[in-house]
Amino acid sequence: MVHVEPVSAYPPPSSRTLEQWLDPGLGTTHQPELRTRLREIADARAALAAMWAAFLSLGVSAILFAGVLLAVTGRAASTVPWIAVGVVLAAVSALFLSRVRRWVPRPRTSLSVRGPGNLRGGLWAAGGILFLLNVFLVIGALTTGRVLVMVLVDLGMVLLLTSAFVVPSAILGRSRLTLRRQTQKDPRLAATLERERLSWRPDGRTAMFGPL
């Protein structure tokens, strides 16, 4: 008995060139929710980049906040270690973030992301938390008179919320645009995606190679 593979209702990867699959006009003709291999790659890359960008922003925030505390209090013993930790965290995160640019995940690789998926959502989330926090901070400042403490806590929360919500959500919201632009600028990434186009086969989760 001869086993016959079912014929896919979707066009094969070879039906278009990589440039055609990446064309934004082609993407608009398909639903944004349609799962394709290129979108799978873009989303996984963005999720990993968002994580390292958040750590990078957190390291820079630690440096900035410790610098402000040093200027205000003059206590180098309690702030210099935070600056050193921030420098190390930022440097390591920048190194791994740079490696994401040429990373192409294997088929069925899925990185789960919880939180806002675009810049607007990140700004709303961070703004809402900051607003609620400031309600309590203002009440505390009025009752205790510690305005400087309120300002420092507020600054720290702004930096923290930016790192946790705004930065990663901005990267996630531009996942497909980023992959398209990086492919156009990086021949090595374009060559990797071209090899992927020639070797990829549909599976149970993803039926089409493109569009992006």
Protein backbone atom coordinates (compact mmCIF):
# COMPACT_ATOMS: atom_id res chain seq x y z
CA MET A 1 0.00 0.00 0.00
CA VAL A 2 1.42 3.34 -1.05
CA HIS A 3 1.25 6.22 1.43
CA VAL A 4 0.36 9.51 -0.23
CA GLU A 5 1.03 12.78 1.57
CA PRO A 6 -1.97 15.12 1.55
CA VAL A 7 -1.67 18.11 -0.72
CA SER A 8 -1.52 21.41 1.16
CA ALA A 9 -4.12 24.01 0.29
CA TYR A 10 -1.53 26.72 0.89
CA PRO A 11 1.18 27.82 -1.57
CA PRO A 12 4.59 26.19 -1.00
CA PRO A 13 7.61 28.29 0.05
CA SER A 14 9.06 27.93 -3.45
CA SER A 15 6.04 29.68 -4.98
CA ARG A 16 7.56 33.06 -4.10
CA THR A 17 11.01 34.46 -3.50
CA LEU A 18 12.07 35.50 0.00
CA GLU A 19 11.73 39.15 -1.00
CA GLN A 20 8.17 38.55 -2.15
CA TRP A 21 7.27 36.71 1.06
CA LEU A 22 8.66 39.64 3.07
CA ASP A 23 6.78 42.25 1.06
CA PRO A 24 4.46 44.25 3.38
CA GLY A 25 1.80 44.43 0.69
CA LEU A 26 1.46 40.65 0.67
CA GLY A 27 1.11 40.62 4.44
CA THR A 28 -1.89 42.95 4.33
CA THR A 29 -3.80 40.46 2.16
CA HIS A 30 -3.74 37.85 4.93
CA GLN A 31 -5.18 38.06 8.42
CA PRO A 32 -2.69 39.22 11.09
CA GLU A 33 -3.66 36.18 13.17
CA LEU A 34 -2.67 33.72 10.43
CA ARG A 35 0.32 31.71 11.65
CA THR A 36 3.19 31.54 9.16
CA ARG A 37 6.79 30.47 9.52
CA LEU A 38 8.06 34.02 8.96
CA ARG A 39 5.69 35.40 11.58
CA GLU A 40 6.73 32.62 13.95
CA ILE A 41 10.36 33.65 13.46
CA ALA A 42 9.57 37.34 13.93
CA ASP A 43 7.55 36.78 17.10
CA ALA A 44 10.12 34.49 18.72
CA ARG A 45 12.98 36.86 17.89
CA ALA A 46 11.02 39.81 19.27
CA ALA A 47 10.18 37.96 22.49
CA LEU A 48 13.84 37.16 23.12
CA ALA A 49 14.97 40.65 22.12
CA ALA A 50 12.33 42.19 24.39
CA MET A 51 13.67 40.23 27.35
CA TRP A 52 17.27 41.27 26.83
CA ALA A 53 16.26 44.86 26.05
CA ALA A 54 14.33 44.96 29.33
CA PHE A 55 17.43 43.78 31.22
CA LEU A 56 19.55 46.31 29.34
CA SER A 57 17.14 49.10 30.24
CA LEU A 58 17.10 47.87 33.84
CA GLY A 59 20.90 48.06 33.98
CA VAL A 60 20.92 51.59 32.56
CA SER A 61 18.15 52.56 34.98
CA ALA A 62 20.19 51.27 37.92
CA ILE A 63 23.13 53.42 36.79
CA LEU A 64 20.96 56.52 36.41
CA PHE A 65 19.13 56.04 39.71
CA ALA A 66 22.33 55.36 41.63
CA GLY A 67 23.90 58.43 40.02
CA VAL A 68 21.01 60.60 41.18
CA LEU A 69 21.24 59.17 44.70
CA LEU A 70 24.96 59.83 44.72
CA ALA A 71 24.41 63.43 43.68
CA VAL A 72 21.69 63.94 46.30
CA THR A 73 23.14 62.06 49.27
CA GLY A 74 26.85 61.98 48.50
CA ARG A 75 27.07 58.42 49.85
CA ALA A 76 29.39 56.65 47.45
CA ALA A 77 29.60 53.49 49.57
CA SER A 78 25.92 52.68 49.07
CA THR A 79 25.55 53.81 45.46
CA VAL A 80 28.75 52.77 43.66
CA PRO A 81 27.94 49.03 44.01
CA TRP A 82 24.59 49.66 42.30
CA ILE A 83 26.37 51.47 39.48
CA ALA A 84 28.75 48.54 39.07
CA VAL A 85 25.87 46.04 38.99
CA GLY A 86 24.06 48.21 36.45
CA VAL A 87 27.12 48.39 34.20
CA VAL A 88 27.60 44.61 34.27
CA LEU A 89 23.90 43.93 33.65
CA ALA A 90 23.75 46.41 30.77
CA ALA A 91 26.92 45.06 29.16
CA VAL A 92 25.83 41.40 29.35
CA SER A 93 22.34 42.24 28.09
CA ALA A 94 23.71 44.27 25.18
CA LEU A 95 25.91 41.33 24.20
CA PHE A 96 23.04 38.85 24.12
CA LEU A 97 20.74 41.37 22.48
CA SER A 98 23.18 41.77 19.61
CA ARG A 99 23.15 37.99 19.07
CA VAL A 100 19.38 37.97 18.59
CA ARG A 101 19.78 39.94 15.35
CA ARG A 102 20.98 36.84 13.46
CA TRP A 103 19.10 34.20 15.41
CA VAL A 104 16.48 32.17 13.56
CA PRO A 105 14.49 29.87 15.88
CA ARG A 106 13.80 26.29 14.96
CA PRO A 107 10.32 25.34 13.75
CA ARG A 108 7.70 25.11 16.50
CA THR A 109 9.80 27.34 18.76
CA SER A 110 7.39 29.48 20.73
CA LEU A 111 8.35 31.94 23.47
CA SER A 112 5.41 32.89 25.66
CA VAL A 113 5.01 36.57 26.46
CA ARG A 114 2.75 37.94 29.15
CA GLY A 115 1.98 41.60 29.14
CA PRO A 116 1.29 44.36 26.63
CA GLY A 117 2.10 43.48 23.03
CA ASN A 118 2.61 46.98 21.67
CA LEU A 119 3.91 50.38 22.74
CA ARG A 120 0.47 51.85 23.43
CA GLY A 121 -0.40 48.97 25.74
CA GLY A 122 2.91 49.29 27.53
CA LEU A 123 2.44 53.01 28.07
CA TRP A 124 -1.08 52.49 29.42
CA ALA A 125 0.06 49.75 31.79
CA ALA A 126 3.03 51.72 33.09
CA GLY A 127 1.01 54.93 33.32
CA GLY A 128 -1.81 53.25 35.22
CA ILE A 129 0.52 51.72 37.79
CA LEU A 130 2.44 54.99 38.16
CA PHE A 131 -0.78 56.96 38.64
CA LEU A 132 -2.03 54.67 41.40
CA LEU A 133 1.36 54.74 43.09
CA ASN A 134 1.49 58.53 42.98
CA VAL A 135 -1.87 58.76 44.73
CA PHE A 136 -0.32 57.09 47.77
CA LEU A 137 2.97 58.95 47.39
CA VAL A 138 1.28 62.35 47.36
CA ILE A 139 -0.78 61.45 50.42
CA GLY A 140 2.37 60.27 52.19
CA ALA A 141 4.31 63.40 51.20
CA LEU A 142 1.54 65.69 52.44
CA THR A 143 1.30 63.93 55.79
CA THR A 144 5.03 63.48 56.43
CA GLY A 145 6.53 66.35 54.44
CA ARG A 146 9.12 64.05 52.80
CA VAL A 147 8.86 65.44 49.31
CA LEU A 148 12.38 64.41 48.32
CA VAL A 149 11.66 60.81 49.23
CA MET A 150 8.53 60.90 47.10
CA VAL A 151 10.46 62.31 44.13
CA LEU A 152 13.18 59.65 44.42
CA VAL A 153 10.67 56.81 44.72
CA ASP A 154 8.74 58.23 41.78
CA LEU A 155 11.90 58.42 39.69
CA GLY A 156 12.80 54.84 40.55
CA MET A 157 9.32 53.63 39.60
CA VAL A 158 9.40 55.50 36.30
CA LEU A 159 12.68 53.82 35.39
CA LEU A 160 11.48 50.41 36.58
CA LEU A 161 8.14 50.59 34.75
CA THR A 162 9.85 51.79 31.59
CA SER A 163 12.16 48.78 31.69
CA ALA A 164 9.41 46.30 32.55
CA PHE A 165 6.57 47.52 30.32
CA VAL A 166 7.44 50.24 27.81
CA VAL A 167 10.70 48.92 26.34
CA PRO A 168 9.64 45.27 25.79
CA SER A 169 6.18 46.17 24.52
CA ALA A 170 7.66 48.56 21.96
CA ILE A 171 9.88 45.76 20.62
CA LEU A 172 7.05 43.22 20.56
CA GLY A 173 4.78 45.58 18.67
CA ARG A 174 7.36 46.01 15.89
CA SER A 175 8.39 42.36 15.57
CA ARG A 176 7.50 41.90 11.90
CA LEU A 177 8.70 45.32 10.79
CA THR A 178 12.00 44.72 12.59
CA LEU A 179 12.57 41.36 10.92
CA ARG A 180 11.85 42.88 7.51
CA ARG A 181 14.27 45.78 8.04
CA GLN A 182 17.04 43.65 9.53
CA THR A 183 16.76 41.18 6.66
CA GLN A 184 17.19 44.00 4.17
CA LYS A 185 20.27 45.32 5.98
CA ASP A 186 21.96 42.04 7.01
CA PRO A 187 22.98 39.69 4.16
CA ARG A 188 23.77 36.89 6.63
CA LEU A 189 20.27 36.98 8.11
CA ALA A 190 18.81 37.10 4.59
CA ALA A 191 20.89 34.04 3.63
CA THR A 192 19.69 32.15 6.71
CA LEU A 193 16.06 32.92 5.91
CA GLU A 194 16.64 31.88 2.30
CA ARG A 195 17.94 28.50 3.47
CA GLU A 196 14.92 28.27 5.73
CA ARG A 197 12.64 28.94 2.75
CA LEU A 198 14.23 26.15 0.76
CA SER A 199 14.22 23.56 3.56
CA TRP A 200 11.08 24.34 5.57
CA ARG A 201 8.06 22.05 5.36
CA PRO A 202 4.53 22.66 6.71
CA ASP A 203 3.63 21.08 10.05
CA GLY A 204 0.55 20.74 12.16
CA ARG A 205 0.81 24.22 13.62
CA THR A 206 2.13 26.25 10.70
CA ALA A 207 0.80 25.68 7.20
CA MET A 208 2.49 28.50 5.28
CA PHE A 209 6.02 29.86 5.07
CA GLY A 210 4.83 33.41 4.53
CA PRO A 211 3.77 36.13 4.38
CA LEU A 212 5.33 38.22 7.11
